[in-house]
Amino acid sequence: MVRFKNRYVLAEVVSEDPRCRQCIEDRTLGLAVRDAIARVHGDYGLACCSISFTVKYLNAYTGTVLLRCRKDSYRLLCSALPFVRYLESRGQRYPCFLNTLHVGGTIRTCQKFLIQYNRTQLLRLLQNCTTEEERQCIQKSLLSCSLTEEQSQSGDEEEDDGTE
């Protein structure tokens, strides 16, 4: 049995229009990337990249995209990503470009890189604050983003059988 090796390309959608990120869908992004590959590398490049090309993860709020392709053709994919100039959704074109952040062999390595990248971006954001009020506002919003477990309201787990 032969295992096909893949590469995962982590990229971010950079756009000045905030509506662009909200209208992003897996299918439209995949079609835009395939179109860029066809324009840059022709039919050969499109055929090589299309074998196992998929959009594995898309976060519309942060603009983070995880693309999967075969190991043999990831360079073709990475070289075509800067040529994505717009995303089309619901009949409108939104100008944007894709910035390649990381290329990894597994989704887990891309996740680790993304965590580290987000930490550095937050530190840069805090360092660029001009007033103490802005700094406090950013720190307050970061602390409010923590995940908490929900308490059970009915208390069904704590009931006894009634045998004493």
C-alpha atoms as a PDB file:
ATOM      1  CA  MET A   1       0.000   0.000   0.000  1.00  0.00           C
ATOM      2  CA  VAL A   2       1.285   3.447  -0.922  1.00  0.00           C
ATOM      3  CA  ARG A   3       0.736   6.500   1.222  1.00  0.00           C
ATOM      4  CA  PHE A   4       0.347   9.806  -0.573  1.00  0.00           C
ATOM      5  CA  LYS A   5       2.156  12.618   1.186  1.00  0.00           C
ATOM      6  CA  ASN A   6       0.500  16.001   1.412  1.00  0.00           C
ATOM      7  CA  ARG A   7       1.573  19.508   2.299  1.00  0.00           C
ATOM      8  CA  TYR A   8      -0.575  22.007   4.145  1.00  0.00           C
ATOM      9  CA  VAL A   9      -0.257  25.675   3.246  1.00  0.00           C
ATOM     10  CA  LEU A  10      -1.367  28.157   5.894  1.00  0.00           C
ATOM     11  CA  ALA A  11      -2.312  31.537   4.433  1.00  0.00           C
ATOM     12  CA  GLU A  12      -4.243  34.614   5.423  1.00  0.00           C
ATOM     13  CA  VAL A  13      -6.683  36.630   3.355  1.00  0.00           C
ATOM     14  CA  VAL A  14      -5.639  40.285   3.435  1.00  0.00           C
ATOM     15  CA  SER A  15      -8.274  42.791   2.392  1.00  0.00           C
ATOM     16  CA  GLU A  16      -9.077  46.413   3.127  1.00  0.00           C
ATOM     17  CA  ASP A  17     -12.801  45.760   2.790  1.00  0.00           C
ATOM     18  CA  PRO A  18     -14.182  44.128   5.980  1.00  0.00           C
ATOM     19  CA  ARG A  19     -17.110  42.670   4.002  1.00  0.00           C
ATOM     20  CA  CYS A  20     -14.663  40.481   2.085  1.00  0.00           C
ATOM     21  CA  ARG A  21     -13.855  38.309   5.086  1.00  0.00           C
ATOM     22  CA  GLN A  22     -17.496  37.863   5.996  1.00  0.00           C
ATOM     23  CA  CYS A  23     -18.425  36.624   2.518  1.00  0.00           C
ATOM     24  CA  ILE A  24     -15.612  34.095   2.131  1.00  0.00           C
ATOM     25  CA  GLU A  25     -16.692  30.535   1.432  1.00  0.00           C
ATOM     26  CA  ASP A  26     -14.623  27.379   0.896  1.00  0.00           C
ATOM     27  CA  ARG A  27     -15.846  26.911  -2.628  1.00  0.00           C
ATOM     28  CA  THR A  28     -15.226  30.493  -3.822  1.00  0.00           C
ATOM     29  CA  LEU A  29     -11.748  30.513  -2.327  1.00  0.00           C
ATOM     30  CA  GLY A  30     -10.919  27.147  -3.909  1.00  0.00           C
ATOM     31  CA  LEU A  31     -12.120  28.346  -7.308  1.00  0.00           C
ATOM     32  CA  ALA A  32     -10.099  31.568  -7.027  1.00  0.00           C
ATOM     33  CA  VAL A  33      -6.938  29.616  -6.159  1.00  0.00           C
ATOM     34  CA  ARG A  34      -7.500  27.149  -9.023  1.00  0.00           C
ATOM     35  CA  ASP A  35      -8.040  30.055 -11.404  1.00  0.00           C
ATOM     36  CA  ALA A  36      -4.785  31.660 -10.282  1.00  0.00           C
ATOM     37  CA  ILE A  37      -2.901  28.378 -10.746  1.00  0.00           C
ATOM     38  CA  ALA A  38      -4.325  28.035 -14.259  1.00  0.00           C
ATOM     39  CA  ARG A  39      -3.319  31.607 -15.158  1.00  0.00           C
ATOM     40  CA  VAL A  40       0.224  31.256 -13.814  1.00  0.00           C
ATOM     41  CA  HIS A  41       1.135  27.639 -14.618  1.00  0.00           C
ATOM     42  CA  GLY A  42      -1.343  26.676 -17.329  1.00  0.00           C
ATOM     43  CA  ASP A  43      -3.076  23.342 -17.752  1.00  0.00           C
ATOM     44  CA  TYR A  44      -0.098  21.339 -16.495  1.00  0.00           C
ATOM     45  CA  GLY A  45       0.084  23.229 -13.196  1.00  0.00           C
ATOM     46  CA  LEU A  46      -3.671  23.051 -12.728  1.00  0.00           C
ATOM     47  CA  ALA A  47      -3.685  19.289 -13.309  1.00  0.00           C
ATOM     48  CA  CYS A  48      -0.792  18.722 -10.888  1.00  0.00           C
ATOM     49  CA  CYS A  49      -2.359  20.814  -8.123  1.00  0.00           C
ATOM     50  CA  SER A  50      -5.931  19.598  -8.596  1.00  0.00           C
ATOM     51  CA  ILE A  51      -5.203  15.975  -7.719  1.00  0.00           C
ATOM     52  CA  SER A  52      -5.696  16.368  -3.969  1.00  0.00           C
ATOM     53  CA  PHE A  53      -6.236  20.124  -3.603  1.00  0.00           C
ATOM     54  CA  THR A  54      -8.812  21.035  -0.946  1.00  0.00           C
ATOM     55  CA  VAL A  55      -9.566  23.869   1.424  1.00  0.00           C
ATOM     56  CA  LYS A  56      -9.283  22.088   4.782  1.00  0.00           C
ATOM     57  CA  TYR A  57      -9.994  25.017   7.101  1.00  0.00           C
ATOM     58  CA  LEU A  58     -11.336  28.519   6.669  1.00  0.00           C
ATOM     59  CA  ASN A  59     -11.914  31.050   9.419  1.00  0.00           C
ATOM     60  CA  ALA A  60     -13.839  33.989   8.022  1.00  0.00           C
ATOM     61  CA  TYR A  61     -13.298  36.159  11.127  1.00  0.00           C
ATOM     62  CA  THR A  62      -9.509  35.982  11.161  1.00  0.00           C
ATOM     63  CA  GLY A  63      -9.043  35.331   7.439  1.00  0.00           C
ATOM     64  CA  THR A  64      -6.998  32.195   8.074  1.00  0.00           C
ATOM     65  CA  VAL A  65      -7.008  29.523   5.368  1.00  0.00           C
ATOM     66  CA  LEU A  66      -5.494  26.029   5.377  1.00  0.00           C
ATOM     67  CA  LEU A  67      -5.001  24.463   1.940  1.00  0.00           C
ATOM     68  CA  ARG A  68      -3.971  20.872   1.232  1.00  0.00           C
ATOM     69  CA  CYS A  69      -2.135  19.693  -1.874  1.00  0.00           C
ATOM     70  CA  ARG A  70       0.220  16.913  -2.921  1.00  0.00           C
ATOM     71  CA  LYS A  71       3.821  17.122  -1.770  1.00  0.00           C
ATOM     72  CA  ASP A  72       5.068  17.166  -5.355  1.00  0.00           C
ATOM     73  CA  SER A  73       3.073  20.252  -6.327  1.00  0.00           C
ATOM     74  CA  TYR A  74       3.041  22.494  -3.251  1.00  0.00           C
ATOM     75  CA  ARG A  75       5.580  24.854  -4.826  1.00  0.00           C
ATOM     76  CA  LEU A  76       3.242  25.439  -7.750  1.00  0.00           C
ATOM     77  CA  LEU A  77       0.456  26.255  -5.309  1.00  0.00           C
ATOM     78  CA  CYS A  78       2.577  28.612  -3.205  1.00  0.00           C
ATOM     79  CA  SER A  79       3.858  30.472  -6.262  1.00  0.00           C
ATOM     80  CA  ALA A  80       0.299  31.029  -7.530  1.00  0.00           C
ATOM     81  CA  LEU A  81      -1.218  32.296  -4.252  1.00  0.00           C
ATOM     82  CA  PRO A  82      -0.017  35.920  -4.659  1.00  0.00           C
ATOM     83  CA  PHE A  83      -1.887  36.070  -7.966  1.00  0.00           C
ATOM     84  CA  VAL A  84      -5.284  35.730  -6.302  1.00  0.00           C
ATOM     85  CA  ARG A  85      -6.438  39.325  -6.637  1.00  0.00           C
ATOM     86  CA  TYR A  86     -10.095  39.148  -5.725  1.00  0.00           C
ATOM     87  CA  LEU A  87     -12.743  36.872  -4.280  1.00  0.00           C
ATOM     88  CA  GLU A  88     -16.143  36.733  -5.887  1.00  0.00           C
ATOM     89  CA  SER A  89     -19.205  36.159  -3.730  1.00  0.00           C
ATOM     90  CA  ARG A  90     -22.874  36.754  -4.491  1.00  0.00           C
ATOM     91  CA  GLY A  91     -22.097  38.580  -7.710  1.00  0.00           C
ATOM     92  CA  GLN A  92     -19.641  41.030  -6.137  1.00  0.00           C
ATOM     93  CA  ARG A  93     -15.869  41.132  -6.365  1.00  0.00           C
ATOM     94  CA  TYR A  94     -13.842  41.950  -3.276  1.00  0.00           C
ATOM     95  CA  PRO A  95     -10.192  42.906  -3.875  1.00  0.00           C
ATOM     96  CA  CYS A  96      -7.792  40.958  -1.675  1.00  0.00           C
ATOM     97  CA  PHE A  97      -4.628  38.882  -1.732  1.00  0.00           C
ATOM     98  CA  LEU A  98      -3.375  35.748   0.002  1.00  0.00           C
ATOM     99  CA  ASN A  99      -0.303  35.953   2.212  1.00  0.00           C
ATOM    100  CA  THR A 100       1.461  32.608   2.727  1.00  0.00           C
ATOM    101  CA  LEU A 101       2.377  32.153   6.390  1.00  0.00           C
ATOM    102  CA  HIS A 102       3.606  28.570   6.724  1.00  0.00           C
ATOM    103  CA  VAL A 103       3.994  25.291   4.848  1.00  0.00           C
ATOM    104  CA  GLY A 104       3.834  22.136   6.927  1.00  0.00           C
ATOM    105  CA  GLY A 105       3.581  18.397   6.592  1.00  0.00           C
ATOM    106  CA  THR A 106       0.678  18.004   9.017  1.00  0.00           C
ATOM    107  CA  ILE A 107      -2.274  20.048  10.189  1.00  0.00           C
ATOM    108  CA  ARG A 108      -0.871  19.909  13.720  1.00  0.00           C
ATOM    109  CA  THR A 109       2.356  21.714  12.768  1.00  0.00           C
ATOM    110  CA  CYS A 110       0.305  24.403  11.061  1.00  0.00           C
ATOM    111  CA  GLN A 111      -1.818  24.798  14.193  1.00  0.00           C
ATOM    112  CA  LYS A 112       1.286  25.168  16.362  1.00  0.00           C
ATOM    113  CA  PHE A 113       2.672  27.795  14.003  1.00  0.00           C
ATOM    114  CA  LEU A 114      -0.651  29.660  13.972  1.00  0.00           C
ATOM    115  CA  ILE A 115      -0.733  29.825  17.779  1.00  0.00           C
ATOM    116  CA  GLN A 116       2.794  31.250  17.843  1.00  0.00           C
ATOM    117  CA  TYR A 117       1.987  33.677  15.004  1.00  0.00           C
ATOM    118  CA  ASN A 118      -1.114  34.976  16.795  1.00  0.00           C
ATOM    119  CA  ARG A 119       0.890  35.529  19.987  1.00  0.00           C
ATOM    120  CA  THR A 120       3.465  37.635  18.158  1.00  0.00           C
ATOM    121  CA  GLN A 121       0.723  39.617  16.413  1.00  0.00           C
ATOM    122  CA  LEU A 122      -0.912  40.391  19.774  1.00  0.00           C
ATOM    123  CA  LEU A 123       2.415  41.509  21.216  1.00  0.00           C
ATOM    124  CA  ARG A 124       2.930  43.825  18.236  1.00  0.00           C
ATOM    125  CA  LEU A 125      -0.567  45.189  18.714  1.00  0.00           C
ATOM    126  CA  LEU A 126       0.144  45.926  22.372  1.00  0.00           C
ATOM    127  CA  GLN A 127       3.488  47.542  21.573  1.00  0.00           C
ATOM    128  CA  ASN A 128       1.917  49.853  18.990  1.00  0.00           C
ATOM    129  CA  CYS A 129      -0.601  51.268  21.460  1.00  0.00           C
ATOM    130  CA  THR A 130      -0.167  55.000  21.874  1.00  0.00           C
ATOM    131  CA  THR A 131      -2.119  55.540  25.077  1.00  0.00           C
ATOM    132  CA  GLU A 132      -2.551  53.574  28.265  1.00  0.00           C
ATOM    133  CA  GLU A 133      -6.311  53.540  27.667  1.00  0.00           C
ATOM    134  CA  GLU A 134      -5.867  51.620  24.392  1.00  0.00           C
ATOM    135  CA  ARG A 135      -3.551  49.154  26.104  1.00  0.00           C
ATOM    136  CA  GLN A 136      -6.042  48.535  28.921  1.00  0.00           C
ATOM    137  CA  CYS A 137      -8.876  48.087  26.420  1.00  0.00           C
ATOM    138  CA  ILE A 138      -6.923  45.467  24.433  1.00  0.00           C
ATOM    139  CA  GLN A 139      -5.856  43.597  27.575  1.00  0.00           C
ATOM    140  CA  LYS A 140      -9.427  43.621  28.867  1.00  0.00           C
ATOM    141  CA  SER A 141     -10.766  42.205  25.584  1.00  0.00           C
ATOM    142  CA  LEU A 142      -8.095  39.486  25.593  1.00  0.00           C
ATOM    143  CA  LEU A 143      -8.960  38.423  29.118  1.00  0.00           C
ATOM    144  CA  SER A 144     -12.665  38.297  28.286  1.00  0.00           C
ATOM    145  CA  CYS A 145     -12.041  35.820  25.445  1.00  0.00           C
ATOM    146  CA  SER A 146     -11.296  32.864  27.712  1.00  0.00           C
ATOM    147  CA  LEU A 147     -13.309  29.670  27.453  1.00  0.00           C
ATOM    148  CA  THR A 148     -15.294  28.556  30.482  1.00  0.00           C
ATOM    149  CA  GLU A 149     -17.211  25.380  31.154  1.00  0.00           C
ATOM    150  CA  GLU A 150     -20.954  25.647  31.469  1.00  0.00           C
ATOM    151  CA  GLN A 151     -22.430  24.719  34.820  1.00  0.00           C
ATOM    152  CA  SER A 152     -25.296  22.249  34.722  1.00  0.00           C
ATOM    153  CA  GLN A 153     -28.472  24.080  35.664  1.00  0.00           C
ATOM    154  CA  SER A 154     -30.605  21.121  36.634  1.00  0.00           C
ATOM    155  CA  GLY A 155     -28.072  19.399  38.893  1.00  0.00           C
ATOM    156  CA  ASP A 156     -28.969  15.946  37.517  1.00  0.00           C
ATOM    157  CA  GLU A 157     -25.423  14.647  37.900  1.00  0.00           C
ATOM    158  CA  GLU A 158     -25.404  15.228  41.646  1.00  0.00           C
ATOM    159  CA  GLU A 159     -28.538  13.233  42.513  1.00  0.00           C
ATOM    160  CA  ASP A 160     -28.215  10.193  44.772  1.00  0.00           C
ATOM    161  CA  ASP A 161     -30.070   6.914  44.416  1.00  0.00           C
ATOM    162  CA  GLY A 162     -31.804   7.511  47.739  1.00  0.00           C
ATOM    163  CA  THR A 163     -30.312   4.431  49.440  1.00  0.00           C
ATOM    164  CA  GLU A 164     -28.705   5.135  52.773  1.00  0.00           C
END
